[in-house]
Amino acid sequence: DMVHVALLRGINVGGKNKVGMKELKDVFEKAGLDSVTTYINSGNVIFRSPIRSRSRLADLIEPAVEERFGFDIAVTVRDLGNMRKVVKAIPGKWTNDGTMKCDVMFLWDDVDRPSVVKKLPIKPDLEDVRYVPGALIWRVDRKNITRSGMMRMAGTPLYKRMTIRNVNTTRKLAELMEATRASS
């Protein structure tokens, strides 16, 4: 079986779309997925499945989540190989802390191409953005956040086709996926 992570978009944000992690784990297990674990409440679910297709997995998970919680949540799925590539593409010094903000924007397939970078309102003197298949990696000094172009993304059509995790969470998810694979 392959190890995957499902990334749910826009749950538990500002009191909206409340989803409990225990319940979420239950939804995944009832959908026939194995070795299910969740990580923090932003909607990260690691699991095993013999199904290789990310879109087939998303098509299995999305209706199951909607049926249980009563709202439509977009889900994107990544396998361990993909997560390894994303993490490898993050420069070692990039972190998410008091002085630096660094996010990974996981892209839905319809917007996942290198040219997506050209559509971003970035200010190259203030912020860095890198494309890696499946994601954009964005870094800015905290003191420049309010002036950064990426903060104007919210509400755009492109913004609705991504789900964002900070770089620390992304690295941790990859670690947890490795541990799940090792425990077979």
Protein backbone atom coordinates (compact mmCIF):
# COMPACT_ATOMS: atom_id res chain seq x y z
CA ASP A 1 0.00 0.00 0.00
CA MET A 2 1.09 3.54 -0.68
CA VAL A 3 1.24 6.25 1.96
CA HIS A 4 -0.71 9.42 1.16
CA VAL A 5 -1.72 12.63 2.86
CA ALA A 6 -5.11 14.25 2.28
CA LEU A 7 -5.09 18.04 2.66
CA LEU A 8 -8.52 19.50 3.36
CA ARG A 9 -9.10 23.09 2.33
CA GLY A 10 -10.57 25.70 4.64
CA ILE A 11 -11.67 23.75 7.69
CA ASN A 12 -11.55 25.10 11.26
CA VAL A 13 -10.79 28.62 10.05
CA GLY A 14 -12.34 31.48 12.01
CA GLY A 15 -15.01 29.27 13.55
CA LYS A 16 -16.31 28.11 10.15
CA ASN A 17 -16.47 24.55 8.79
CA LYS A 18 -15.71 22.95 12.14
CA VAL A 19 -14.34 19.45 11.83
CA GLY A 20 -13.19 17.29 14.74
CA MET A 21 -10.06 15.24 14.08
CA LYS A 22 -11.40 12.09 15.78
CA GLU A 23 -14.50 12.22 13.59
CA LEU A 24 -12.40 12.92 10.52
CA LYS A 25 -10.23 9.87 11.23
CA ASP A 26 -13.42 7.83 11.51
CA VAL A 27 -14.66 9.09 8.11
CA PHE A 28 -11.40 7.96 6.46
CA GLU A 29 -11.50 4.54 8.12
CA LYS A 30 -15.12 4.02 7.09
CA ALA A 31 -14.11 4.94 3.52
CA GLY A 32 -11.76 1.93 3.62
CA LEU A 33 -8.44 3.72 4.15
CA ASP A 34 -5.82 2.21 6.48
CA SER A 35 -3.29 3.40 9.10
CA VAL A 36 -5.20 6.68 9.39
CA THR A 37 -3.65 9.46 11.50
CA THR A 38 -4.43 13.16 11.65
CA TYR A 39 -1.99 15.96 12.35
CA ILE A 40 -3.13 19.23 13.97
CA ASN A 41 -6.57 20.56 13.21
CA SER A 42 -5.91 22.26 9.85
CA GLY A 43 -7.07 19.10 8.04
CA ASN A 44 -4.10 16.80 7.40
CA VAL A 45 -4.83 13.09 7.23
CA ILE A 46 -2.13 10.51 6.60
CA PHE A 47 -3.27 7.10 5.43
CA ARG A 48 -2.40 4.03 3.40
CA SER A 49 -4.28 2.81 0.37
CA PRO A 50 -3.63 0.45 -2.52
CA ILE A 51 -5.28 3.10 -4.74
CA ARG A 52 -2.50 5.04 -6.49
CA SER A 53 -4.56 7.71 -8.23
CA ARG A 54 -4.68 10.96 -6.25
CA SER A 55 -7.84 12.08 -8.02
CA ARG A 56 -9.59 8.76 -7.32
CA LEU A 57 -8.68 9.11 -3.64
CA ALA A 58 -9.97 12.71 -3.55
CA ASP A 59 -13.19 11.53 -5.23
CA LEU A 60 -13.58 8.92 -2.49
CA ILE A 61 -12.81 11.30 0.41
CA GLU A 62 -14.72 14.47 -0.58
CA PRO A 63 -18.25 12.97 -0.59
CA ALA A 64 -17.52 11.00 2.62
CA VAL A 65 -16.47 14.23 4.39
CA GLU A 66 -19.49 16.12 3.05
CA GLU A 67 -21.86 13.36 4.13
CA ARG A 68 -20.49 13.37 7.69
CA PHE A 69 -20.07 17.12 8.27
CA GLY A 70 -22.72 18.60 5.99
CA PHE A 71 -20.51 20.94 3.96
CA ASP A 72 -18.50 20.62 0.81
CA ILE A 73 -14.74 20.56 1.48
CA ALA A 74 -12.20 20.40 -1.33
CA VAL A 75 -9.48 17.80 -0.80
CA THR A 76 -6.16 17.29 -2.54
CA VAL A 77 -4.04 14.20 -2.04
CA ARG A 78 -0.26 13.78 -2.17
CA ASP A 79 1.78 10.61 -2.02
CA LEU A 80 5.07 10.26 -0.20
CA GLY A 81 7.18 10.65 -3.34
CA ASN A 82 5.51 13.96 -4.11
CA MET A 83 5.87 15.21 -0.53
CA ARG A 84 9.56 14.29 -0.54
CA LYS A 85 10.08 16.43 -3.66
CA VAL A 86 8.22 19.37 -2.15
CA VAL A 87 10.22 19.24 1.08
CA LYS A 88 13.49 18.85 -0.83
CA ALA A 89 12.65 21.99 -2.82
CA ILE A 90 12.32 24.10 0.35
CA PRO A 91 15.65 25.83 1.06
CA GLY A 92 17.02 24.65 4.42
CA LYS A 93 17.12 28.15 5.89
CA TRP A 94 13.44 28.82 5.09
CA THR A 95 11.33 28.43 8.19
CA ASN A 96 8.20 29.70 9.83
CA ASP A 97 9.02 31.59 13.01
CA GLY A 98 8.98 35.03 14.59
CA THR A 99 11.08 36.65 11.85
CA MET A 100 10.14 34.71 8.72
CA LYS A 101 6.88 33.45 7.23
CA CYS A 102 7.13 30.52 4.89
CA ASP A 103 4.14 28.70 3.41
CA VAL A 104 3.60 25.85 1.00
CA MET A 105 0.60 26.37 -1.27
CA PHE A 106 -0.55 22.97 -2.49
CA LEU A 107 -2.14 23.35 -5.92
CA TRP A 108 -5.13 21.60 -7.42
CA ASP A 109 -4.26 19.81 -10.68
CA ASP A 110 -6.00 22.33 -12.95
CA VAL A 111 -3.65 25.15 -11.83
CA ASP A 112 -0.55 23.03 -11.27
CA ARG A 113 1.97 24.26 -13.84
CA PRO A 114 5.17 26.33 -13.67
CA SER A 115 3.52 29.29 -15.44
CA VAL A 116 1.23 29.76 -12.41
CA VAL A 117 4.05 31.82 -10.88
CA LYS A 118 3.43 34.51 -13.52
CA LYS A 119 -0.14 34.90 -12.22
CA LEU A 120 1.02 35.75 -8.71
CA PRO A 121 1.08 39.36 -7.48
CA ILE A 122 4.59 38.95 -6.04
CA LYS A 123 7.03 41.73 -5.22
CA PRO A 124 10.42 40.15 -5.93
CA ASP A 125 12.28 42.65 -3.76
CA LEU A 126 10.23 41.55 -0.71
CA GLU A 127 9.35 37.90 -1.19
CA ASP A 128 10.47 34.67 -2.82
CA VAL A 129 8.21 32.18 -4.56
CA ARG A 130 9.32 28.87 -6.05
CA TYR A 131 7.33 26.36 -8.05
CA VAL A 132 7.71 22.63 -7.49
CA PRO A 133 5.29 20.17 -9.10
CA GLY A 134 2.15 20.25 -6.96
CA ALA A 135 3.01 23.33 -4.94
CA LEU A 136 4.32 26.85 -4.58
CA ILE A 137 6.77 27.68 -1.80
CA TRP A 138 6.57 31.26 -0.54
CA ARG A 139 8.86 33.09 1.86
CA VAL A 140 8.74 36.63 3.25
CA ASP A 141 10.26 38.40 6.25
CA ARG A 142 7.53 38.97 8.85
CA LYS A 143 8.25 42.70 8.90
CA ASN A 144 7.27 42.85 5.20
CA ILE A 145 4.11 40.73 5.30
CA THR A 146 1.67 43.61 5.04
CA ARG A 147 3.47 44.96 1.96
CA SER A 148 3.84 41.58 0.29
CA GLY A 149 1.93 40.93 -2.92
CA MET A 150 0.91 37.41 -1.93
CA MET A 151 -1.28 38.77 0.86
CA ARG A 152 -3.55 40.14 -1.90
CA MET A 153 -4.22 36.61 -3.20
CA ALA A 154 -7.15 35.89 -0.88
CA GLY A 155 -10.46 35.68 -2.72
CA THR A 156 -8.91 35.27 -6.19
CA PRO A 157 -9.92 32.30 -8.37
CA LEU A 158 -6.37 30.92 -8.06
CA TYR A 159 -6.49 31.18 -4.26
CA LYS A 160 -9.56 28.94 -4.28
CA ARG A 161 -7.53 26.23 -6.08
CA MET A 162 -4.89 25.84 -3.38
CA THR A 163 -4.61 24.87 0.26
CA ILE A 164 -1.88 26.38 2.40
CA ARG A 165 0.27 24.82 5.11
CA ASN A 166 3.23 26.49 6.76
CA VAL A 167 6.63 25.03 6.03
CA ASN A 168 7.01 23.53 9.52
CA THR A 169 3.72 21.63 9.13
CA THR A 170 4.72 20.49 5.62
CA ARG A 171 8.06 19.12 6.82
CA LYS A 172 6.34 17.39 9.76
CA LEU A 173 3.75 15.78 7.47
CA ALA A 174 6.54 14.32 5.32
CA GLU A 175 8.22 12.94 8.48
CA LEU A 176 4.98 11.37 9.68
CA MET A 177 4.44 9.84 6.22
CA GLU A 178 7.95 8.34 6.33
CA ALA A 179 7.18 6.89 9.78
CA THR A 180 3.92 5.40 8.52
CA ARG A 181 5.75 3.81 5.60
CA ALA A 182 8.43 2.40 7.92
CA SER A 183 5.85 0.84 10.26
CA SER A 184 4.44 -1.47 7.59
